[in-house]
Amino acid sequence: MNLELINHFIEEFEKSNFIFSKAFKNKIANECESWKNDWVEVLKKLLRKIKNGQYPLTIDNKGRFRVTNPLVKNQYMAIFFSKQNNGNFFIDIIKIGINNI
């Protein structure tokens, strides 16, 4: 997948109260070449869920929320994030894994 295309839509989300960690951006840059095209759509879908408040209210042991979406059989994409006091969303990390993340 083209990193320039991914960075473009990340910039669009940054204009609407999203802050992406360096770890998130580095993981995308290092792994996006092996992504399938529909994985980018899943990433956009997860970010839209966050923006629209469609995420579980459960918090992990690091104080982060998690949104998850299936990719292919037994594989999932998850985004871990926190909501800031000023209304911004801090997108901490993205994980792609087998079974439950």
C-alpha atoms as a PDB file:
ATOM      1  CA  MET A   1       0.000   0.000   0.000  1.00  0.00           C
ATOM      2  CA  ASN A   2       1.195   3.471  -0.771  1.00  0.00           C
ATOM      3  CA  LEU A   3       2.481   5.267   2.339  1.00  0.00           C
ATOM      4  CA  GLU A   4       1.757   8.649   0.756  1.00  0.00           C
ATOM      5  CA  LEU A   5      -1.937   7.767   0.448  1.00  0.00           C
ATOM      6  CA  ILE A   6      -2.116   6.594   4.065  1.00  0.00           C
ATOM      7  CA  ASN A   7      -0.306   9.700   5.308  1.00  0.00           C
ATOM      8  CA  HIS A   8      -2.762  11.865   3.375  1.00  0.00           C
ATOM      9  CA  PHE A   9      -5.833  10.526   5.146  1.00  0.00           C
ATOM     10  CA  ILE A  10      -4.002  10.568   8.504  1.00  0.00           C
ATOM     11  CA  GLU A  11      -3.396  14.286   7.903  1.00  0.00           C
ATOM     12  CA  GLU A  12      -7.120  14.719   7.244  1.00  0.00           C
ATOM     13  CA  PHE A  13      -7.962  13.095  10.592  1.00  0.00           C
ATOM     14  CA  GLU A  14      -5.354  15.282  12.314  1.00  0.00           C
ATOM     15  CA  LYS A  15      -7.418  18.279  11.215  1.00  0.00           C
ATOM     16  CA  SER A  16     -10.365  16.955  13.204  1.00  0.00           C
ATOM     17  CA  ASN A  17      -9.080  16.397  16.757  1.00  0.00           C
ATOM     18  CA  PHE A  18      -6.813  13.385  16.194  1.00  0.00           C
ATOM     19  CA  ILE A  19      -3.237  13.163  17.423  1.00  0.00           C
ATOM     20  CA  PHE A  20      -1.208  10.167  16.223  1.00  0.00           C
ATOM     21  CA  SER A  21       1.719   8.891  18.255  1.00  0.00           C
ATOM     22  CA  LYS A  22       5.132   8.474  16.701  1.00  0.00           C
ATOM     23  CA  ALA A  23       4.871   4.720  17.392  1.00  0.00           C
ATOM     24  CA  PHE A  24       1.611   4.565  15.413  1.00  0.00           C
ATOM     25  CA  LYS A  25       3.077   6.425  12.443  1.00  0.00           C
ATOM     26  CA  ASN A  26       6.293   4.375  12.519  1.00  0.00           C
ATOM     27  CA  LYS A  27       4.383   1.090  12.558  1.00  0.00           C
ATOM     28  CA  ILE A  28       2.301   2.224   9.571  1.00  0.00           C
ATOM     29  CA  ALA A  29       5.418   3.330   7.671  1.00  0.00           C
ATOM     30  CA  ASN A  30       7.278   0.092   8.392  1.00  0.00           C
ATOM     31  CA  GLU A  31       4.439  -2.294   7.576  1.00  0.00           C
ATOM     32  CA  CYS A  32       2.174  -0.643   5.006  1.00  0.00           C
ATOM     33  CA  GLU A  33       3.968  -2.205   2.028  1.00  0.00           C
ATOM     34  CA  SER A  34       2.601  -5.597   3.084  1.00  0.00           C
ATOM     35  CA  TRP A  35      -0.948  -4.312   3.627  1.00  0.00           C
ATOM     36  CA  LYS A  36      -3.793  -5.311   1.405  1.00  0.00           C
ATOM     37  CA  ASN A  37      -5.849  -2.431  -0.061  1.00  0.00           C
ATOM     38  CA  ASP A  38      -8.904  -3.211   2.053  1.00  0.00           C
ATOM     39  CA  TRP A  39      -6.827  -2.898   5.237  1.00  0.00           C
ATOM     40  CA  VAL A  40      -6.618   0.843   4.643  1.00  0.00           C
ATOM     41  CA  GLU A  41     -10.423   0.913   4.486  1.00  0.00           C
ATOM     42  CA  VAL A  42     -10.554  -0.960   7.808  1.00  0.00           C
ATOM     43  CA  LEU A  43      -8.184   1.605   9.336  1.00  0.00           C
ATOM     44  CA  LYS A  44     -10.399   4.448   8.087  1.00  0.00           C
ATOM     45  CA  LYS A  45     -13.473   2.652   9.448  1.00  0.00           C
ATOM     46  CA  LEU A  46     -11.877   2.321  12.894  1.00  0.00           C
ATOM     47  CA  LEU A  47     -10.904   5.998  12.953  1.00  0.00           C
ATOM     48  CA  ARG A  48     -14.448   6.991  11.943  1.00  0.00           C
ATOM     49  CA  LYS A  49     -15.816   4.828  14.793  1.00  0.00           C
ATOM     50  CA  ILE A  50     -13.612   6.733  17.227  1.00  0.00           C
ATOM     51  CA  LYS A  51     -14.632  10.093  15.770  1.00  0.00           C
ATOM     52  CA  ASN A  52     -18.329   9.170  16.034  1.00  0.00           C
ATOM     53  CA  GLY A  53     -18.019   7.841  19.598  1.00  0.00           C
ATOM     54  CA  GLN A  54     -18.775   4.251  18.549  1.00  0.00           C
ATOM     55  CA  TYR A  55     -16.332   2.446  20.796  1.00  0.00           C
ATOM     56  CA  PRO A  56     -16.644   0.373  23.971  1.00  0.00           C
ATOM     57  CA  LEU A  57     -16.312   2.235  27.221  1.00  0.00           C
ATOM     58  CA  THR A  58     -13.931  -0.376  28.622  1.00  0.00           C
ATOM     59  CA  ILE A  59     -10.367   0.705  29.253  1.00  0.00           C
ATOM     60  CA  ASP A  60      -7.268  -1.513  29.191  1.00  0.00           C
ATOM     61  CA  ASN A  61      -4.639  -1.623  31.950  1.00  0.00           C
ATOM     62  CA  LYS A  62      -2.835   1.350  30.350  1.00  0.00           C
ATOM     63  CA  GLY A  63      -5.938   3.558  30.441  1.00  0.00           C
ATOM     64  CA  ARG A  64      -6.686   3.254  26.720  1.00  0.00           C
ATOM     65  CA  PHE A  65      -9.813   2.447  24.767  1.00  0.00           C
ATOM     66  CA  ARG A  66      -9.688  -0.120  21.955  1.00  0.00           C
ATOM     67  CA  VAL A  67     -11.607  -0.474  18.708  1.00  0.00           C
ATOM     68  CA  THR A  68     -11.243  -3.691  16.734  1.00  0.00           C
ATOM     69  CA  ASN A  69     -12.340  -4.869  13.316  1.00  0.00           C
ATOM     70  CA  PRO A  70     -11.840  -8.177  11.486  1.00  0.00           C
ATOM     71  CA  LEU A  71      -9.542  -8.185   8.452  1.00  0.00           C
ATOM     72  CA  VAL A  72      -9.558 -11.728   7.139  1.00  0.00           C
ATOM     73  CA  LYS A  73     -10.212 -15.120   8.709  1.00  0.00           C
ATOM     74  CA  ASN A  74      -8.947 -15.024  12.314  1.00  0.00           C
ATOM     75  CA  GLN A  75      -7.067 -11.760  11.786  1.00  0.00           C
ATOM     76  CA  TYR A  76      -7.968  -8.417  13.343  1.00  0.00           C
ATOM     77  CA  MET A  77      -6.865  -4.804  13.348  1.00  0.00           C
ATOM     78  CA  ALA A  78      -7.084  -2.874  16.608  1.00  0.00           C
ATOM     79  CA  ILE A  79      -6.412   0.748  17.481  1.00  0.00           C
ATOM     80  CA  PHE A  80      -5.653   1.752  21.059  1.00  0.00           C
ATOM     81  CA  PHE A  81      -6.387   5.351  21.954  1.00  0.00           C
ATOM     82  CA  SER A  82      -7.242   7.750  24.756  1.00  0.00           C
ATOM     83  CA  LYS A  83      -9.601  10.677  24.834  1.00  0.00           C
ATOM     84  CA  GLN A  84      -7.969  13.888  25.986  1.00  0.00           C
ATOM     85  CA  ASN A  85      -9.611  16.468  28.264  1.00  0.00           C
ATOM     86  CA  ASN A  86      -9.690  18.961  25.385  1.00  0.00           C
ATOM     87  CA  GLY A  87     -11.717  16.561  23.199  1.00  0.00           C
ATOM     88  CA  ASN A  88      -8.802  15.310  21.110  1.00  0.00           C
ATOM     89  CA  PHE A  89      -8.210  11.625  20.513  1.00  0.00           C
ATOM     90  CA  PHE A  90      -4.645  10.425  21.067  1.00  0.00           C
ATOM     91  CA  ILE A  91      -4.119   7.422  18.790  1.00  0.00           C
ATOM     92  CA  ASP A  92      -1.458   5.414  20.569  1.00  0.00           C
ATOM     93  CA  ILE A  93      -0.816   2.194  18.649  1.00  0.00           C
ATOM     94  CA  ILE A  94      -2.204  -0.066  15.950  1.00  0.00           C
ATOM     95  CA  LYS A  95      -2.010  -3.834  16.180  1.00  0.00           C
ATOM     96  CA  ILE A  96      -2.684  -6.445  13.566  1.00  0.00           C
ATOM     97  CA  GLY A  97      -2.883  -9.975  14.850  1.00  0.00           C
ATOM     98  CA  ILE A  98      -4.410 -13.386  14.838  1.00  0.00           C
ATOM     99  CA  ASN A  99      -7.481 -14.215  16.903  1.00  0.00           C
ATOM    100  CA  ASN A 100      -8.333 -11.813  19.681  1.00  0.00           C
ATOM    101  CA  ILE A 101      -6.060  -8.817  20.225  1.00  0.00           C
END
